[in-house]
Amino acid sequence: MTYDSQTRPAWVPGAATGNTTQATITNPATSVFDITASGTIAGLFIVGGSLSTTGSGTGVNMKSDHTAGTLWSAATFTSGNVAVQNGDQLKVTYTVTA
């Protein structure tokens, strides 16, 4: 599966909600992936690092084919695998609970 982007969408955390025993953070803006080939997507991962224009880091400067950085989180979709085709858009919201 491929998507049309030179960079990976950034996960930008929103404000924490909850209380002192359990807090939740969700990205307020959906991350959008423009799909360019058919396939099946089972989940997502978040990689952290420093921002730079050389391809390492997170956010707008993270190259889509970059393999370095620190794996921060990985998860399967709660609704199961997602079948995609060329021209689809995969829109993702990610929530962290601690």
N, C-alpha and C. Protein backbone atom coordinates (compact mmCIF):
# COMPACT_ATOMS: atom_id res chain seq x y z
N MET A 1 0.85 -1.17 0.00
CA MET A 1 0.00 0.00 0.00
C MET A 1 0.90 1.23 0.00
N THR A 2 0.57 2.19 -0.80
CA THR A 2 1.30 3.45 -0.83
C THR A 2 0.33 4.61 -0.69
N TYR A 3 0.89 5.73 -0.29
CA TYR A 3 0.07 6.95 -0.22
C TYR A 3 0.84 8.09 -0.83
N ASP A 4 0.12 9.10 -1.29
CA ASP A 4 0.70 10.21 -2.03
C ASP A 4 1.07 11.34 -1.08
N SER A 5 2.27 11.27 -0.57
CA SER A 5 2.76 12.32 0.30
C SER A 5 4.27 12.18 0.41
N GLN A 6 4.96 13.27 0.34
CA GLN A 6 6.40 13.24 0.54
C GLN A 6 6.74 13.19 2.02
N THR A 7 5.78 13.51 2.84
CA THR A 7 6.00 13.53 4.29
C THR A 7 4.86 12.83 5.00
N ARG A 8 5.13 12.34 6.19
CA ARG A 8 4.09 11.71 7.00
C ARG A 8 3.30 12.78 7.72
N PRO A 9 1.98 12.59 7.80
CA PRO A 9 1.18 13.55 8.59
C PRO A 9 1.62 13.53 10.05
N ALA A 10 1.60 14.68 10.67
CA ALA A 10 2.01 14.79 12.07
C ALA A 10 0.84 14.49 12.99
N TRP A 11 1.13 13.83 14.10
CA TRP A 11 0.14 13.69 15.16
C TRP A 11 0.36 14.88 16.09
N VAL A 12 -0.64 15.73 16.15
CA VAL A 12 -0.57 16.92 16.99
C VAL A 12 -1.56 16.71 18.14
N PRO A 13 -1.06 16.49 19.35
CA PRO A 13 -1.97 16.18 20.46
C PRO A 13 -2.84 17.37 20.86
N GLY A 14 -4.06 17.06 21.22
CA GLY A 14 -4.97 18.07 21.76
C GLY A 14 -4.79 18.17 23.26
N ALA A 15 -5.66 18.90 23.91
CA ALA A 15 -5.60 19.06 25.36
C ALA A 15 -6.04 17.76 26.04
N ALA A 16 -5.41 17.46 27.16
CA ALA A 16 -5.77 16.27 27.92
C ALA A 16 -7.13 16.47 28.58
N THR A 17 -7.91 15.40 28.62
CA THR A 17 -9.19 15.40 29.32
C THR A 17 -9.18 14.26 30.33
N GLY A 18 -10.04 14.32 31.31
CA GLY A 18 -10.12 13.26 32.30
C GLY A 18 -9.84 13.78 33.68
N ASN A 19 -9.27 12.89 34.50
CA ASN A 19 -8.99 13.25 35.89
C ASN A 19 -7.61 12.75 36.28
N THR A 20 -7.32 12.74 37.57
CA THR A 20 -5.97 12.37 38.03
C THR A 20 -5.71 10.87 37.93
N THR A 21 -6.74 10.04 37.76
CA THR A 21 -6.52 8.60 37.65
C THR A 21 -6.50 8.11 36.20
N GLN A 22 -7.11 8.87 35.28
CA GLN A 22 -7.09 8.49 33.87
C GLN A 22 -7.26 9.73 33.00
N ALA A 23 -6.32 9.91 32.09
CA ALA A 23 -6.36 11.06 31.18
C ALA A 23 -6.35 10.56 29.74
N THR A 24 -6.96 11.32 28.84
CA THR A 24 -7.04 10.98 27.42
C THR A 24 -6.60 12.19 26.59
N ILE A 25 -5.81 11.90 25.54
CA ILE A 25 -5.39 12.93 24.60
C ILE A 25 -5.71 12.44 23.19
N THR A 26 -6.38 13.26 22.39
CA THR A 26 -6.73 12.93 21.01
C THR A 26 -6.25 14.06 20.10
N ASN A 27 -5.78 13.69 18.90
CA ASN A 27 -5.42 14.76 17.96
C ASN A 27 -6.70 15.44 17.49
N PRO A 28 -6.77 16.79 17.58
CA PRO A 28 -7.99 17.50 17.22
C PRO A 28 -8.26 17.53 15.71
N ALA A 29 -7.22 17.41 14.91
CA ALA A 29 -7.38 17.41 13.45
C ALA A 29 -7.09 16.00 12.92
N THR A 30 -7.94 15.52 12.04
CA THR A 30 -7.76 14.20 11.46
C THR A 30 -6.52 14.18 10.56
N SER A 31 -5.70 13.12 10.67
CA SER A 31 -4.58 12.92 9.76
C SER A 31 -5.11 12.25 8.50
N VAL A 32 -4.77 12.80 7.33
CA VAL A 32 -5.32 12.30 6.07
C VAL A 32 -4.20 11.71 5.22
N PHE A 33 -4.43 10.50 4.71
CA PHE A 33 -3.50 9.83 3.82
C PHE A 33 -4.21 9.64 2.48
N ASP A 34 -3.66 10.19 1.39
CA ASP A 34 -4.21 10.01 0.05
C ASP A 34 -3.62 8.72 -0.53
N ILE A 35 -4.45 7.71 -0.68
CA ILE A 35 -4.01 6.37 -1.08
C ILE A 35 -3.77 6.32 -2.58
N THR A 36 -2.65 5.68 -2.99
CA THR A 36 -2.29 5.61 -4.41
C THR A 36 -2.19 4.17 -4.93
N ALA A 37 -2.54 3.18 -4.14
CA ALA A 37 -2.54 1.79 -4.58
C ALA A 37 -3.51 1.00 -3.71
N SER A 38 -4.00 -0.10 -4.23
CA SER A 38 -4.92 -0.95 -3.47
C SER A 38 -4.16 -1.75 -2.42
N GLY A 39 -4.85 -2.05 -1.32
CA GLY A 39 -4.24 -2.86 -0.28
C GLY A 39 -5.12 -2.90 0.95
N THR A 40 -4.57 -3.45 2.01
CA THR A 40 -5.28 -3.55 3.28
C THR A 40 -4.41 -2.93 4.36
N ILE A 41 -5.00 -2.08 5.18
CA ILE A 41 -4.29 -1.41 6.26
C ILE A 41 -4.84 -1.92 7.58
N ALA A 42 -3.94 -2.35 8.46
CA ALA A 42 -4.37 -2.96 9.72
C ALA A 42 -4.28 -2.00 10.90
N GLY A 43 -3.50 -0.92 10.77
CA GLY A 43 -3.34 -0.02 11.90
C GLY A 43 -2.40 1.11 11.57
N LEU A 44 -1.79 1.68 12.61
CA LEU A 44 -0.91 2.82 12.43
C LEU A 44 0.23 2.76 13.42
N PHE A 45 1.22 3.61 13.19
CA PHE A 45 2.31 3.75 14.14
C PHE A 45 2.70 5.21 14.24
N ILE A 46 3.29 5.57 15.36
CA ILE A 46 3.77 6.93 15.57
C ILE A 46 5.25 6.84 15.88
N VAL A 47 6.05 7.61 15.11
CA VAL A 47 7.49 7.63 15.27
C VAL A 47 7.90 9.02 15.72
N GLY A 48 8.75 9.11 16.73
CA GLY A 48 9.23 10.39 17.23
C GLY A 48 10.67 10.61 16.86
N GLY A 49 11.07 11.86 16.91
CA GLY A 49 12.45 12.24 16.61
C GLY A 49 12.52 13.74 16.52
N SER A 50 13.63 14.24 16.02
CA SER A 50 13.80 15.68 15.90
C SER A 50 13.30 16.15 14.54
N LEU A 51 12.83 17.39 14.48
CA LEU A 51 12.40 17.97 13.21
C LEU A 51 13.61 18.41 12.41
N SER A 52 13.63 18.02 11.15
CA SER A 52 14.68 18.49 10.26
C SER A 52 14.22 18.33 8.83
N THR A 53 14.88 18.99 7.91
CA THR A 53 14.52 18.88 6.51
C THR A 53 15.24 17.73 5.83
N THR A 54 16.07 16.99 6.56
CA THR A 54 16.81 15.88 5.97
C THR A 54 16.05 14.57 6.05
N GLY A 55 14.87 14.57 6.62
CA GLY A 55 14.07 13.37 6.62
C GLY A 55 13.93 12.70 7.97
N SER A 56 14.62 13.15 9.00
CA SER A 56 14.44 12.54 10.31
C SER A 56 13.51 13.40 11.13
N GLY A 57 12.71 12.79 11.95
CA GLY A 57 11.84 13.54 12.83
C GLY A 57 10.38 13.21 12.65
N THR A 58 9.54 14.08 13.13
CA THR A 58 8.11 13.88 13.03
C THR A 58 7.50 15.07 12.32
N GLY A 59 6.25 14.94 11.96
CA GLY A 59 5.52 16.07 11.41
C GLY A 59 5.81 16.33 9.95
N VAL A 60 5.70 17.57 9.56
CA VAL A 60 5.73 17.93 8.15
C VAL A 60 7.06 17.63 7.48
N ASN A 61 8.13 17.44 8.24
CA ASN A 61 9.43 17.17 7.63
C ASN A 61 9.82 15.71 7.65
N MET A 62 8.97 14.83 8.15
CA MET A 62 9.28 13.41 8.22
C MET A 62 9.01 12.77 6.86
N LYS A 63 10.04 12.30 6.19
CA LYS A 63 9.88 11.68 4.87
C LYS A 63 9.10 10.38 5.00
N SER A 64 8.23 10.12 4.04
CA SER A 64 7.37 8.94 4.11
C SER A 64 8.15 7.63 3.98
N ASP A 65 9.35 7.66 3.42
CA ASP A 65 10.14 6.44 3.30
C ASP A 65 11.27 6.37 4.32
N HIS A 66 11.28 7.27 5.27
CA HIS A 66 12.34 7.32 6.28
C HIS A 66 12.15 6.18 7.28
N THR A 67 13.23 5.52 7.67
CA THR A 67 13.12 4.36 8.55
C THR A 67 13.76 4.58 9.91
N ALA A 68 14.25 5.76 10.21
CA ALA A 68 14.88 6.03 11.50
C ALA A 68 13.88 6.70 12.43
N GLY A 69 14.26 6.88 13.68
CA GLY A 69 13.41 7.49 14.68
C GLY A 69 13.08 6.49 15.77
N THR A 70 12.32 6.93 16.74
CA THR A 70 11.94 6.08 17.85
C THR A 70 10.46 5.73 17.73
N LEU A 71 10.17 4.43 17.72
CA LEU A 71 8.78 4.00 17.67
C LEU A 71 8.13 4.35 19.00
N TRP A 72 7.14 5.23 18.95
CA TRP A 72 6.47 5.71 20.14
C TRP A 72 5.24 4.89 20.45
N SER A 73 4.51 4.49 19.40
CA SER A 73 3.28 3.74 19.60
C SER A 73 2.90 3.03 18.31
N ALA A 74 2.23 1.89 18.45
CA ALA A 74 1.67 1.17 17.31
C ALA A 74 0.35 0.56 17.75
N ALA A 75 -0.64 0.56 16.86
CA ALA A 75 -1.96 0.04 17.22
C ALA A 75 -2.70 -0.44 15.99
N THR A 76 -3.55 -1.44 16.18
CA THR A 76 -4.46 -1.84 15.11
C THR A 76 -5.70 -0.96 15.18
N PHE A 77 -6.43 -0.87 14.08
CA PHE A 77 -7.66 -0.10 14.07
C PHE A 77 -8.73 -0.81 14.90
N THR A 78 -9.49 -0.07 15.67
CA THR A 78 -10.54 -0.66 16.51
C THR A 78 -11.63 -1.30 15.67
N SER A 79 -11.81 -0.83 14.43
CA SER A 79 -12.85 -1.38 13.55
C SER A 79 -12.33 -2.52 12.69
N GLY A 80 -11.07 -2.92 12.86
CA GLY A 80 -10.49 -3.99 12.05
C GLY A 80 -9.75 -3.47 10.84
N ASN A 81 -9.31 -4.37 9.98
CA ASN A 81 -8.57 -4.00 8.78
C ASN A 81 -9.40 -3.12 7.87
N VAL A 82 -8.71 -2.23 7.13
CA VAL A 82 -9.38 -1.31 6.20
C VAL A 82 -8.86 -1.59 4.79
N ALA A 83 -9.76 -1.97 3.89
CA ALA A 83 -9.40 -2.17 2.49
C ALA A 83 -9.41 -0.81 1.79
N VAL A 84 -8.35 -0.51 1.05
CA VAL A 84 -8.25 0.77 0.35
C VAL A 84 -7.94 0.53 -1.12
N GLN A 85 -8.30 1.53 -1.94
CA GLN A 85 -8.03 1.50 -3.37
C GLN A 85 -7.41 2.82 -3.79
N ASN A 86 -6.76 2.83 -4.94
CA ASN A 86 -6.19 4.06 -5.48
C ASN A 86 -7.26 5.14 -5.52
N GLY A 87 -6.96 6.31 -4.99
CA GLY A 87 -7.90 7.43 -4.98
C GLY A 87 -8.63 7.60 -3.66
N ASP A 88 -8.56 6.59 -2.78
CA ASP A 88 -9.20 6.70 -1.47
C ASP A 88 -8.45 7.66 -0.57
N GLN A 89 -9.11 8.13 0.46
CA GLN A 89 -8.47 8.89 1.53
C GLN A 89 -8.70 8.13 2.83
N LEU A 90 -7.63 7.87 3.56
CA LEU A 90 -7.73 7.26 4.88
C LEU A 90 -7.58 8.39 5.89
N LYS A 91 -8.61 8.57 6.72
CA LYS A 91 -8.61 9.65 7.71
C LYS A 91 -8.52 9.02 9.09
N VAL A 92 -7.50 9.43 9.85
CA VAL A 92 -7.18 8.76 11.11
C VAL A 92 -7.19 9.75 12.27
N THR A 93 -7.82 9.34 13.36
CA THR A 93 -7.74 10.04 14.63
C THR A 93 -7.17 9.06 15.64
N TYR A 94 -6.23 9.52 16.45
CA TYR A 94 -5.54 8.65 17.39
C TYR A 94 -5.73 9.19 18.81
N THR A 95 -6.06 8.30 19.73
CA THR A 95 -6.27 8.69 21.12
C THR A 95 -5.31 7.93 22.02
N VAL A 96 -4.69 8.64 22.95
CA VAL A 96 -3.82 8.05 23.96
C VAL A 96 -4.50 8.15 25.31
N THR A 97 -4.56 7.04 26.02
CA THR A 97 -5.14 7.04 27.36
C THR A 97 -4.08 6.56 28.34
N ALA A 98 -3.92 7.29 29.42
CA ALA A 98 -2.93 6.91 30.43
C ALA A 98 -3.54 6.97 31.81
